[in-house]
Amino acid sequence: MTKITENTTVSIAVVMAFLGGVAYVTYVAASEQENGRRLSSIEQRQLVIEQMGTDLAVVRTKVEAIEKKLDHTQGLSAKGD
């Protein structure tokens, strides 16, 4: 039995190959969607890390300004002693 029915000219092997191709394309599409989700998640994490870097730069600048004020204040009080 190499045909689906006696009246069809399509063999079972062709149908099986077609179904295998459909299954493969479905698998590839599902993999692509999952990879897209993962990439989106990684990009979001990267944005958070970049924002944290910017925040740290601001904090560093503020701390340096405070340190300068403290050094200046301590210098004045040392001269007054």
C-alpha atoms as a PDB file:
ATOM      1  CA  MET A   1       0.000   0.000   0.000  1.00  0.00           C
ATOM      2  CA  THR A   2       1.987   2.958  -1.252  1.00  0.00           C
ATOM      3  CA  LYS A   3      -0.975   5.182  -1.967  1.00  0.00           C
ATOM      4  CA  ILE A   4      -3.506   6.725   0.420  1.00  0.00           C
ATOM      5  CA  THR A   5      -6.395   5.415  -1.684  1.00  0.00           C
ATOM      6  CA  GLU A   6      -6.530   3.769  -5.072  1.00  0.00           C
ATOM      7  CA  ASN A   7      -7.741   6.983  -6.744  1.00  0.00           C
ATOM      8  CA  THR A   8      -4.988   9.303  -5.421  1.00  0.00           C
ATOM      9  CA  THR A   9      -1.682   9.747  -7.151  1.00  0.00           C
ATOM     10  CA  VAL A  10       0.139  11.043  -4.047  1.00  0.00           C
ATOM     11  CA  SER A  11       2.172   8.400  -2.306  1.00  0.00           C
ATOM     12  CA  ILE A  12       2.362   7.958   1.446  1.00  0.00           C
ATOM     13  CA  ALA A  13       6.075   8.820   1.365  1.00  0.00           C
ATOM     14  CA  VAL A  14       5.317  12.254  -0.112  1.00  0.00           C
ATOM     15  CA  VAL A  15       2.646  12.897   2.512  1.00  0.00           C
ATOM     16  CA  MET A  16       5.016  11.819   5.304  1.00  0.00           C
ATOM     17  CA  ALA A  17       7.775  14.066   3.929  1.00  0.00           C
ATOM     18  CA  PHE A  18       5.318  16.977   3.765  1.00  0.00           C
ATOM     19  CA  LEU A  19       4.164  16.391   7.356  1.00  0.00           C
ATOM     20  CA  GLY A  20       7.796  16.180   8.487  1.00  0.00           C
ATOM     21  CA  GLY A  21       8.513  19.492   6.767  1.00  0.00           C
ATOM     22  CA  VAL A  22       5.514  21.119   8.444  1.00  0.00           C
ATOM     23  CA  ALA A  23       6.637  19.789  11.830  1.00  0.00           C
ATOM     24  CA  TYR A  24      10.165  21.115  11.259  1.00  0.00           C
ATOM     25  CA  VAL A  25       8.949  24.568  10.232  1.00  0.00           C
ATOM     26  CA  THR A  26       6.673  24.662  13.284  1.00  0.00           C
ATOM     27  CA  TYR A  27       9.596  23.717  15.529  1.00  0.00           C
ATOM     28  CA  VAL A  28      11.843  26.380  14.002  1.00  0.00           C
ATOM     29  CA  ALA A  29       9.124  29.041  14.390  1.00  0.00           C
ATOM     30  CA  ALA A  30       8.585  28.112  18.041  1.00  0.00           C
ATOM     31  CA  SER A  31      12.347  28.214  18.674  1.00  0.00           C
ATOM     32  CA  GLU A  32      12.569  31.639  17.032  1.00  0.00           C
ATOM     33  CA  GLN A  33       9.803  32.995  19.247  1.00  0.00           C
ATOM     34  CA  GLU A  34      11.470  31.645  22.396  1.00  0.00           C
ATOM     35  CA  ASN A  35      14.816  33.102  21.345  1.00  0.00           C
ATOM     36  CA  GLY A  36      13.091  36.436  20.706  1.00  0.00           C
ATOM     37  CA  ARG A  37      11.665  36.398  24.221  1.00  0.00           C
ATOM     38  CA  ARG A  38      15.049  35.567  25.706  1.00  0.00           C
ATOM     39  CA  LEU A  39      16.742  38.322  23.718  1.00  0.00           C
ATOM     40  CA  SER A  40      14.120  40.808  24.884  1.00  0.00           C
ATOM     41  CA  SER A  41      14.724  39.776  28.487  1.00  0.00           C
ATOM     42  CA  ILE A  42      18.488  40.190  28.071  1.00  0.00           C
ATOM     43  CA  GLU A  43      18.020  43.624  26.492  1.00  0.00           C
ATOM     44  CA  GLN A  44      15.820  44.714  29.405  1.00  0.00           C
ATOM     45  CA  ARG A  45      18.437  43.547  31.900  1.00  0.00           C
ATOM     46  CA  GLN A  46      21.118  45.403  29.962  1.00  0.00           C
ATOM     47  CA  LEU A  47      19.076  48.607  30.142  1.00  0.00           C
ATOM     48  CA  VAL A  48      18.744  48.197  33.911  1.00  0.00           C
ATOM     49  CA  ILE A  49      22.493  47.668  34.252  1.00  0.00           C
ATOM     50  CA  GLU A  50      23.210  50.752  32.139  1.00  0.00           C
ATOM     51  CA  GLN A  51      20.828  52.802  34.295  1.00  0.00           C
ATOM     52  CA  MET A  52      22.572  51.551  37.421  1.00  0.00           C
ATOM     53  CA  GLY A  53      25.904  52.653  35.945  1.00  0.00           C
ATOM     54  CA  THR A  54      24.507  56.119  35.303  1.00  0.00           C
ATOM     55  CA  ASP A  55      23.123  56.279  38.842  1.00  0.00           C
ATOM     56  CA  LEU A  56      26.492  55.256  40.266  1.00  0.00           C
ATOM     57  CA  ALA A  57      28.229  57.982  38.281  1.00  0.00           C
ATOM     58  CA  VAL A  58      25.848  60.555  39.759  1.00  0.00           C
ATOM     59  CA  VAL A  59      26.418  59.220  43.275  1.00  0.00           C
ATOM     60  CA  ARG A  60      30.195  59.288  42.726  1.00  0.00           C
ATOM     61  CA  THR A  61      30.021  62.926  41.641  1.00  0.00           C
ATOM     62  CA  LYS A  62      27.967  63.856  44.692  1.00  0.00           C
ATOM     63  CA  VAL A  63      30.290  62.004  47.066  1.00  0.00           C
ATOM     64  CA  GLU A  64      33.325  63.725  45.551  1.00  0.00           C
ATOM     65  CA  ALA A  65      31.634  67.106  46.029  1.00  0.00           C
ATOM     66  CA  ILE A  66      30.862  66.265  49.655  1.00  0.00           C
ATOM     67  CA  GLU A  67      34.439  65.123  50.217  1.00  0.00           C
ATOM     68  CA  LYS A  68      35.754  68.410  48.830  1.00  0.00           C
ATOM     69  CA  LYS A  69      33.467  70.363  51.151  1.00  0.00           C
ATOM     70  CA  LEU A  70      34.582  68.264  54.115  1.00  0.00           C
ATOM     71  CA  ASP A  71      38.248  68.727  53.229  1.00  0.00           C
ATOM     72  CA  HIS A  72      37.709  72.470  52.927  1.00  0.00           C
ATOM     73  CA  THR A  73      35.818  72.584  56.250  1.00  0.00           C
ATOM     74  CA  GLN A  74      38.442  70.520  58.049  1.00  0.00           C
ATOM     75  CA  GLY A  75      41.175  72.720  56.647  1.00  0.00           C
ATOM     76  CA  LEU A  76      39.477  75.828  58.041  1.00  0.00           C
ATOM     77  CA  SER A  77      38.917  74.314  61.476  1.00  0.00           C
ATOM     78  CA  ALA A  78      42.540  73.140  61.638  1.00  0.00           C
ATOM     79  CA  LYS A  79      43.763  76.665  60.962  1.00  0.00           C
ATOM     80  CA  GLY A  80      41.515  78.073  63.699  1.00  0.00           C
ATOM     81  CA  ASP A  81      42.934  75.741  66.365  1.00  0.00           C
END
